């Protein structure tokens, strides 16, 4: 494995000290290192809400300083960068150099989750279609030096982006000191309390990551079926859009969104659309732990942010932010008495069970059960 400090020393040699993007668990040790080094003012780690924003930040950094920025992402997030790469950074537009670090999920031949497989097959093909040269980061530090030297030379000569693909296990794990969060509940406790209050005909659209995993396991624990829940295993940030349309198509069913701060921030424009259409049967639950927990607990920009006030300004009928179990119990008695759209933001601690599993049904099986229940 490549040690984080050794890798950074190579980056620093070439003045690569500006980093931005959306975290990936493929190299979450590197993400933790960047976060801690940023707090010590050793480098800049610019937190953004989606990968496309990372491209724009790195581009603006280059324009402002003449230096190269580094944009990290998992390969699923590569899709979010296609437009800014082709219409902003490309050699036929502004020709802006930057280095992409892309975590390889769904590597062909490796055991991985279904939502990663397609992108794993086509990652290098996408880069080739974009005309972007790339290299798979080696697992030998001397070869890594050569790889980054090659990347920097290309960016200087061609003034366009270059990509490094990072396989799982190449960069070592790195433990940083965790910030203490003083909120009453973990997400799973809040989630189960809400699930207990749902009506027989209510449906749930849950976001990617551990939220859907916890909901699936709670249904299993209660020996319930999974037909009431649509579990997003991919498509981060899309749960609100899906739930809005289902609510509009099925006005006699109450539709709940189980969302997260990182996912909501990624495509926060949906709040305006929900506020515009104002479905009375729409209930937005946001579990806000101020982090991308599923990729290692890296921070989002939600600290100090009140989603409920933002939603209210966009036209949600009722909104609230709660921080304690007692507040949640009180609000749960009232939430279904009023029409939507409503938003309940629950500030929760970062963390989950060590033995938290994954859905044992396939995405297609989940979809078919949900359709059967919905129709």
Protein backbone atom coordinates (compact mmCIF):
# COMPACT_ATOMS: atom_id res chain seq x y z
CA UNK A 1 0.00 0.00 0.00
CA UNK A 2 1.00 3.58 -0.64
CA UNK A 3 1.27 5.65 2.55
CA UNK A 4 -0.73 8.88 2.53
CA UNK A 5 2.13 11.10 3.69
CA UNK A 6 4.46 9.65 1.04
CA UNK A 7 1.83 10.22 -1.65
CA UNK A 8 1.28 13.80 -0.53
CA UNK A 9 5.02 14.51 -0.57
CA UNK A 10 5.01 13.60 -4.27
CA UNK A 11 2.02 15.84 -4.92
CA UNK A 12 3.64 18.66 -2.98
CA UNK A 13 6.84 18.34 -5.02
CA UNK A 14 4.81 19.38 -8.06
CA UNK A 15 2.84 22.04 -6.16
CA UNK A 16 -0.34 19.97 -6.22
CA UNK A 17 -1.78 21.29 -2.97
CA UNK A 18 -5.39 22.12 -3.93
CA UNK A 19 -7.90 19.27 -3.65
CA UNK A 20 -11.65 19.16 -4.12
CA UNK A 21 -14.43 16.73 -4.98
CA UNK A 22 -16.80 14.17 -3.47
CA UNK A 23 -15.31 11.40 -1.29
CA UNK A 24 -14.96 7.75 -2.29
CA UNK A 25 -14.49 4.83 0.07
CA UNK A 26 -12.10 3.21 -2.43
CA UNK A 27 -9.42 5.50 -1.02
CA UNK A 28 -11.09 6.84 2.12
CA UNK A 29 -7.77 6.90 3.97
CA UNK A 30 -6.59 9.54 1.52
CA UNK A 31 -9.82 11.48 2.11
CA UNK A 32 -9.20 11.45 5.87
CA UNK A 33 -5.61 12.56 5.34
CA UNK A 34 -6.71 15.50 3.16
CA UNK A 35 -9.32 16.57 5.71
CA UNK A 36 -6.83 16.55 8.59
CA UNK A 37 -4.09 18.25 6.55
CA UNK A 38 -6.58 20.94 5.51
CA UNK A 39 -7.39 21.61 9.17
CA UNK A 40 -3.65 22.07 9.78
CA UNK A 41 -3.34 24.45 6.79
CA UNK A 42 -0.91 22.10 5.04
CA UNK A 43 -3.08 22.06 1.91
CA UNK A 44 -6.52 23.14 0.70
CA UNK A 45 -9.29 20.57 0.64
CA UNK A 46 -12.31 22.37 -0.81
CA UNK A 47 -15.57 20.66 0.20
CA UNK A 48 -18.16 20.73 -2.59
CA UNK A 49 -21.61 19.21 -3.04
CA UNK A 50 -21.06 17.31 -6.30
CA UNK A 51 -18.28 16.25 -8.63
CA UNK A 52 -19.19 18.73 -11.36
CA UNK A 53 -18.68 21.56 -8.89
CA UNK A 54 -15.25 20.10 -8.18
CA UNK A 55 -14.34 20.49 -11.86
CA UNK A 56 -15.40 24.14 -11.79
CA UNK A 57 -13.47 24.84 -8.58
CA UNK A 58 -10.30 23.23 -9.92
CA UNK A 59 -10.69 25.15 -13.15
CA UNK A 60 -11.14 28.47 -11.37
CA UNK A 61 -8.17 27.66 -9.14
CA UNK A 62 -6.01 27.17 -12.23
CA UNK A 63 -7.28 30.40 -13.79
CA UNK A 64 -6.61 32.34 -10.60
CA UNK A 65 -3.22 30.87 -9.69
CA UNK A 66 -1.77 29.07 -12.70
CA UNK A 67 -1.48 25.92 -10.58
CA UNK A 68 -3.13 22.54 -11.10
CA UNK A 69 -6.04 21.43 -8.92
CA UNK A 70 -6.84 17.82 -8.06
CA UNK A 71 -10.46 16.57 -8.23
CA UNK A 72 -11.28 13.32 -6.41
CA UNK A 73 -14.38 11.19 -6.97
CA UNK A 74 -15.59 7.66 -7.32
CA UNK A 75 -16.18 6.51 -10.88
CA UNK A 76 -19.96 6.74 -10.38
CA UNK A 77 -19.42 10.48 -9.94
CA UNK A 78 -17.58 10.69 -13.24
CA UNK A 79 -21.01 10.99 -14.85
CA UNK A 80 -21.63 14.24 -12.96
CA UNK A 81 -18.48 15.71 -14.51
CA UNK A 82 -19.21 15.00 -18.18
CA UNK A 83 -20.81 18.37 -18.89
CA UNK A 84 -18.22 20.59 -17.14
CA UNK A 85 -15.40 18.55 -18.64
CA UNK A 86 -16.71 18.75 -22.21
CA UNK A 87 -18.14 22.28 -22.13
CA UNK A 88 -15.65 23.98 -19.78
CA UNK A 89 -12.31 22.23 -19.28
CA UNK A 90 -11.96 20.61 -22.71
CA UNK A 91 -9.21 21.72 -25.11
CA UNK A 92 -11.85 22.94 -27.58
CA UNK A 93 -13.37 25.29 -25.00
CA UNK A 94 -11.20 26.81 -22.22
CA UNK A 95 -8.49 24.12 -22.19
CA UNK A 96 -8.02 23.94 -18.43
CA UNK A 97 -5.59 21.41 -16.91
CA UNK A 98 -6.49 19.51 -13.75
CA UNK A 99 -5.78 16.10 -12.28
CA UNK A 100 -8.66 13.70 -11.63
CA UNK A 101 -8.35 10.97 -8.99
CA UNK A 102 -11.07 8.42 -9.77
CA UNK A 103 -11.86 5.53 -7.43
CA UNK A 104 -12.56 2.35 -9.37
CA UNK A 105 -15.79 0.80 -8.10
CA UNK A 106 -17.12 -2.27 -9.87
CA UNK A 107 -13.77 -3.38 -11.22
CA UNK A 108 -14.40 -6.18 -13.75
CA UNK A 109 -13.79 -9.55 -12.11
CA UNK A 110 -14.00 -8.15 -8.58
CA UNK A 111 -16.86 -8.76 -6.15
CA UNK A 112 -18.84 -5.53 -5.84
CA UNK A 113 -22.33 -4.13 -5.47
CA UNK A 114 -24.71 -4.16 -8.49
CA UNK A 115 -24.88 -0.37 -8.76
CA UNK A 116 -21.12 -0.25 -9.35
CA UNK A 117 -20.80 -2.89 -12.04
CA UNK A 118 -21.84 -0.91 -15.11
CA UNK A 119 -19.60 2.05 -14.38
CA UNK A 120 -16.77 -0.30 -13.52
CA UNK A 121 -17.00 -1.75 -17.03
CA UNK A 122 -17.08 1.57 -18.84
CA UNK A 123 -14.85 3.91 -16.77
CA UNK A 124 -11.84 3.71 -19.05
CA UNK A 125 -14.07 3.77 -22.15
CA UNK A 126 -15.65 7.00 -20.94
CA UNK A 127 -12.25 8.58 -20.43
CA UNK A 128 -11.19 7.45 -23.88
CA UNK A 129 -14.37 8.91 -25.39
CA UNK A 130 -13.63 12.18 -23.59
CA UNK A 131 -10.12 12.10 -25.06
CA UNK A 132 -8.67 12.20 -21.56
CA UNK A 133 -5.44 10.26 -20.98
CA UNK A 134 -5.35 8.16 -17.84
CA UNK A 135 -3.22 5.76 -15.87
CA UNK A 136 -4.04 3.25 -13.14
CA UNK A 137 -2.12 4.30 -10.04
CA UNK A 138 0.60 1.72 -9.31
CA UNK A 139 1.08 0.12 -5.90
CA UNK A 140 4.80 0.93 -5.81
CA UNK A 141 5.87 4.35 -4.55
CA UNK A 142 8.66 4.73 -7.10
CA UNK A 143 6.23 3.99 -9.92
CA UNK A 144 3.77 6.43 -8.37
CA UNK A 145 6.42 9.15 -8.62
CA UNK A 146 6.75 8.42 -12.32
CA UNK A 147 2.97 8.40 -12.82
CA UNK A 148 2.48 11.83 -11.25
CA UNK A 149 5.50 13.20 -13.11
CA UNK A 150 3.90 12.00 -16.36
CA UNK A 151 0.55 13.55 -15.43
CA UNK A 152 2.09 16.93 -14.57
CA UNK A 153 4.14 16.99 -17.77
CA UNK A 154 1.02 16.28 -19.82
CA UNK A 155 -0.99 19.01 -18.09
CA UNK A 156 1.81 21.50 -18.71
CA UNK A 157 2.23 20.53 -22.36
CA UNK A 158 -1.42 20.09 -23.35
CA UNK A 159 -3.27 22.27 -20.81
CA UNK A 160 -6.10 19.74 -20.42
CA UNK A 161 -7.25 17.26 -17.74
CA UNK A 162 -5.49 14.00 -16.92
CA UNK A 163 -6.86 11.11 -14.82
CA UNK A 164 -5.43 8.68 -12.29
CA UNK A 165 -7.59 5.63 -11.59
CA UNK A 166 -7.34 4.34 -8.03
CA UNK A 167 -8.09 0.70 -7.25
CA UNK A 168 -9.28 -0.39 -3.83
CA UNK A 169 -6.45 -1.20 -1.40
CA UNK A 170 -3.76 0.82 -3.19
CA UNK A 171 -3.68 3.71 -0.72
CA UNK A 172 -3.37 2.86 2.97
CA UNK A 173 -6.02 3.56 5.55
CA UNK A 174 -5.54 6.70 7.63
CA UNK A 175 -7.23 7.38 10.94
CA UNK A 176 -7.88 10.98 11.86
CA UNK A 177 -9.14 12.33 15.15
CA UNK A 178 -12.93 12.32 15.05
CA UNK A 179 -14.92 15.43 15.88
CA UNK A 180 -17.30 14.87 18.80
CA UNK A 181 -20.95 15.33 17.90
CA UNK A 182 -23.35 15.86 20.78
CA UNK A 183 -26.67 15.03 19.12
CA UNK A 184 -28.96 12.60 20.97
CA UNK A 185 -29.51 9.96 18.34
CA UNK A 186 -27.82 7.91 15.69
CA UNK A 187 -29.60 7.87 12.34
CA UNK A 188 -30.79 4.29 12.80
CA UNK A 189 -32.64 5.09 16.03
CA UNK A 190 -34.41 8.06 14.45
CA UNK A 191 -35.22 6.05 11.33
CA UNK A 192 -36.84 3.21 13.25
CA UNK A 193 -38.93 5.59 15.34
CA UNK A 194 -40.29 7.14 12.14
CA UNK A 195 -40.83 3.77 10.46
CA UNK A 196 -42.95 2.70 13.43
CA UNK A 197 -45.32 5.61 12.81
CA UNK A 198 -45.91 5.04 9.09
CA UNK A 199 -49.37 4.05 7.96
CA UNK A 200 -50.22 0.84 6.16
CA UNK A 201 -50.46 2.57 2.78
CA UNK A 202 -47.50 4.94 3.20
CA UNK A 203 -44.44 4.41 1.00
CA UNK A 204 -40.79 5.37 1.49
CA UNK A 205 -38.15 6.42 -1.01
CA UNK A 206 -34.80 6.09 0.77
CA UNK A 207 -31.48 7.54 -0.27
CA UNK A 208 -28.22 5.79 -1.07
CA UNK A 209 -25.82 4.35 1.46
CA UNK A 210 -26.48 3.32 5.02
CA UNK A 211 -29.96 4.85 5.23
CA UNK A 212 -31.39 2.27 2.83
CA UNK A 213 -29.36 -0.49 4.46
CA UNK A 214 -30.76 0.37 7.90
CA UNK A 215 -34.32 0.57 6.59
CA UNK A 216 -33.96 -2.83 4.91
CA UNK A 217 -32.65 -4.45 8.08
CA UNK A 218 -35.40 -2.92 10.20
CA UNK A 219 -38.05 -4.38 7.92
CA UNK A 220 -36.28 -7.73 8.24
CA UNK A 221 -36.14 -7.41 12.03
CA UNK A 222 -39.91 -6.82 12.12
CA UNK A 223 -40.58 -9.64 9.65
CA UNK A 224 -42.17 -7.19 7.24
CA UNK A 225 -41.94 -7.22 3.50
CA UNK A 226 -40.03 -4.61 1.51
CA UNK A 227 -42.78 -3.60 -0.89
CA UNK A 228 -43.39 -0.25 0.81
CA UNK A 229 -39.80 0.92 0.28
CA UNK A 230 -37.87 1.90 -2.80
CA UNK A 231 -34.22 1.55 -1.78
CA UNK A 232 -31.82 3.70 -3.76
CA UNK A 233 -28.53 1.84 -3.98
CA UNK A 234 -27.15 4.25 -6.60
CA UNK A 235 -28.14 7.54 -8.21
CA UNK A 236 -27.05 9.63 -5.23
CA UNK A 237 -29.19 12.73 -4.72
CA UNK A 238 -32.15 11.45 -6.75
CA UNK A 239 -34.50 10.25 -4.00
CA UNK A 240 -36.33 13.56 -3.74
CA UNK A 241 -37.04 13.72 -7.46
CA UNK A 242 -38.32 10.14 -7.49
CA UNK A 243 -40.53 10.72 -4.46
CA UNK A 244 -41.96 13.94 -5.88
CA UNK A 245 -43.10 12.26 -9.07
CA UNK A 246 -44.58 9.27 -7.24
CA UNK A 247 -46.44 11.65 -4.93
CA UNK A 248 -47.84 13.54 -7.92
CA UNK A 249 -48.85 10.33 -9.70
CA UNK A 250 -50.33 8.71 -6.57
CA UNK A 251 -52.03 11.58 -4.68
CA UNK A 252 -53.90 9.18 -2.38
CA UNK A 253 -50.67 7.64 -1.03
CA UNK A 254 -48.46 9.41 1.48
CA UNK A 255 -44.88 9.45 0.22
CA UNK A 256 -41.95 9.79 2.60
CA UNK A 257 -38.39 10.56 1.54
CA UNK A 258 -35.61 9.31 3.82
CA UNK A 259 -32.79 11.62 2.74
CA UNK A 260 -29.28 12.54 3.89
CA UNK A 261 -27.46 15.84 4.03
CA UNK A 262 -24.80 14.86 1.48
CA UNK A 263 -27.33 13.42 -0.96
CA UNK A 264 -29.69 16.38 -0.67
CA UNK A 265 -26.89 18.89 -1.15
CA UNK A 266 -25.76 17.09 -4.30
CA UNK A 267 -28.97 17.99 -6.14
CA UNK A 268 -30.57 20.57 -3.85
CA UNK A 269 -32.48 22.19 -6.72
CA UNK A 270 -35.21 19.59 -6.17
CA UNK A 271 -36.36 21.64 -3.17
CA UNK A 272 -37.52 24.39 -5.53
CA UNK A 273 -39.38 21.90 -7.72
CA UNK A 274 -41.11 20.32 -4.71
CA UNK A 275 -42.07 23.76 -3.44
CA UNK A 276 -43.44 24.69 -6.85
CA UNK A 277 -45.73 21.66 -7.20
CA UNK A 278 -46.66 21.49 -3.49
CA UNK A 279 -47.87 17.88 -3.25
CA UNK A 280 -50.01 17.52 -0.13
CA UNK A 281 -48.90 13.91 0.32
CA UNK A 282 -45.15 14.60 0.36
CA UNK A 283 -43.07 14.28 3.55
CA UNK A 284 -39.32 14.94 3.44
CA UNK A 285 -37.21 13.45 6.26
CA UNK A 286 -33.57 14.57 6.26
CA UNK A 287 -31.11 12.73 8.52
CA UNK A 288 -28.32 15.28 8.88
CA UNK A 289 -25.07 14.01 10.42
CA UNK A 290 -22.94 16.62 8.62
CA UNK A 291 -20.97 13.95 6.79
CA UNK A 292 -20.65 11.49 3.93
CA UNK A 293 -20.79 8.61 6.36
CA UNK A 294 -21.01 5.78 3.84
CA UNK A 295 -17.65 6.71 2.34
CA UNK A 296 -15.83 7.17 5.64
CA UNK A 297 -17.40 10.10 7.48
CA UNK A 298 -15.89 12.95 5.48
CA UNK A 299 -17.58 16.31 6.23
CA UNK A 300 -20.29 17.90 4.11
CA UNK A 301 -21.06 21.62 4.16
CA UNK A 302 -24.25 21.15 6.22
CA UNK A 303 -22.71 22.14 9.55
CA UNK A 304 -24.50 25.30 10.63
CA UNK A 305 -27.00 24.91 7.79
CA UNK A 306 -30.73 24.56 8.47
CA UNK A 307 -32.37 22.72 5.58
CA UNK A 308 -35.79 23.36 7.09
CA UNK A 309 -35.48 27.13 6.65
CA UNK A 310 -34.30 26.67 3.08
CA UNK A 311 -37.23 24.35 2.31
CA UNK A 312 -39.64 26.85 3.85
CA UNK A 313 -38.32 29.58 1.58
CA UNK A 314 -38.90 27.31 -1.41
CA UNK A 315 -42.57 26.80 -0.56
CA UNK A 316 -42.76 23.79 1.77
CA UNK A 317 -45.85 24.19 3.94
CA UNK A 318 -44.40 23.06 7.27
CA UNK A 319 -40.77 22.52 8.23
CA UNK A 320 -38.81 21.90 11.40
CA UNK A 321 -35.34 20.99 12.62
CA UNK A 322 -35.01 18.79 15.69
CA UNK A 323 -32.03 17.65 17.72
CA UNK A 324 -33.36 15.39 20.47
CA UNK A 325 -35.30 12.17 20.81
CA UNK A 326 -38.03 13.93 22.82
CA UNK A 327 -38.49 16.54 20.11
CA UNK A 328 -38.77 13.79 17.52
CA UNK A 329 -41.41 11.90 19.49
CA UNK A 330 -43.50 15.05 19.83
CA UNK A 331 -43.22 15.97 16.14
CA UNK A 332 -44.06 12.44 15.01
CA UNK A 333 -47.49 12.82 16.62
CA UNK A 334 -48.21 15.85 14.45
CA UNK A 335 -46.44 15.31 11.14
CA UNK A 336 -49.22 13.36 9.44
CA UNK A 337 -51.99 15.61 10.73
CA UNK A 338 -50.96 18.41 8.36
CA UNK A 339 -50.74 18.42 4.59
CA UNK A 340 -47.42 18.56 2.80
CA UNK A 341 -45.05 19.28 1.46
CA UNK A 342 -43.39 19.00 4.84
CA UNK A 343 -39.76 18.67 5.87
CA UNK A 344 -38.38 17.32 9.12
CA UNK A 345 -34.63 17.71 9.55
CA UNK A 346 -33.17 15.48 12.25
CA UNK A 347 -29.66 16.25 13.46
CA UNK A 348 -28.05 12.90 14.26
CA UNK A 349 -24.64 11.65 15.30
CA UNK A 350 -22.28 10.14 12.79
CA UNK A 351 -21.97 6.38 13.17
CA UNK A 352 -23.60 3.02 12.49
CA UNK A 353 -23.51 -0.59 13.63
CA UNK A 354 -20.39 -2.57 12.78
CA UNK A 355 -22.57 -5.49 11.69
CA UNK A 356 -24.84 -3.45 9.42
CA UNK A 357 -25.55 -5.58 6.37
CA UNK A 358 -26.70 -4.85 2.85
CA UNK A 359 -30.02 -5.65 1.14
CA UNK A 360 -30.26 -9.34 0.34
CA UNK A 361 -32.67 -8.71 -2.52
CA UNK A 362 -31.56 -7.42 -5.91
CA UNK A 363 -32.46 -3.90 -7.08
CA UNK A 364 -34.83 -5.37 -9.66
CA UNK A 365 -36.56 -7.51 -7.02
CA UNK A 366 -36.95 -4.42 -4.83
CA UNK A 367 -38.38 -2.43 -7.74
CA UNK A 368 -40.89 -5.15 -8.65
CA UNK A 369 -42.12 -5.54 -5.06
CA UNK A 370 -42.49 -1.77 -4.79
CA UNK A 371 -44.43 -1.57 -8.05
CA UNK A 372 -46.74 -4.36 -6.89
CA UNK A 373 -47.47 -2.49 -3.66
CA UNK A 374 -47.82 0.89 -5.36
CA UNK A 375 -50.24 -0.24 -8.05
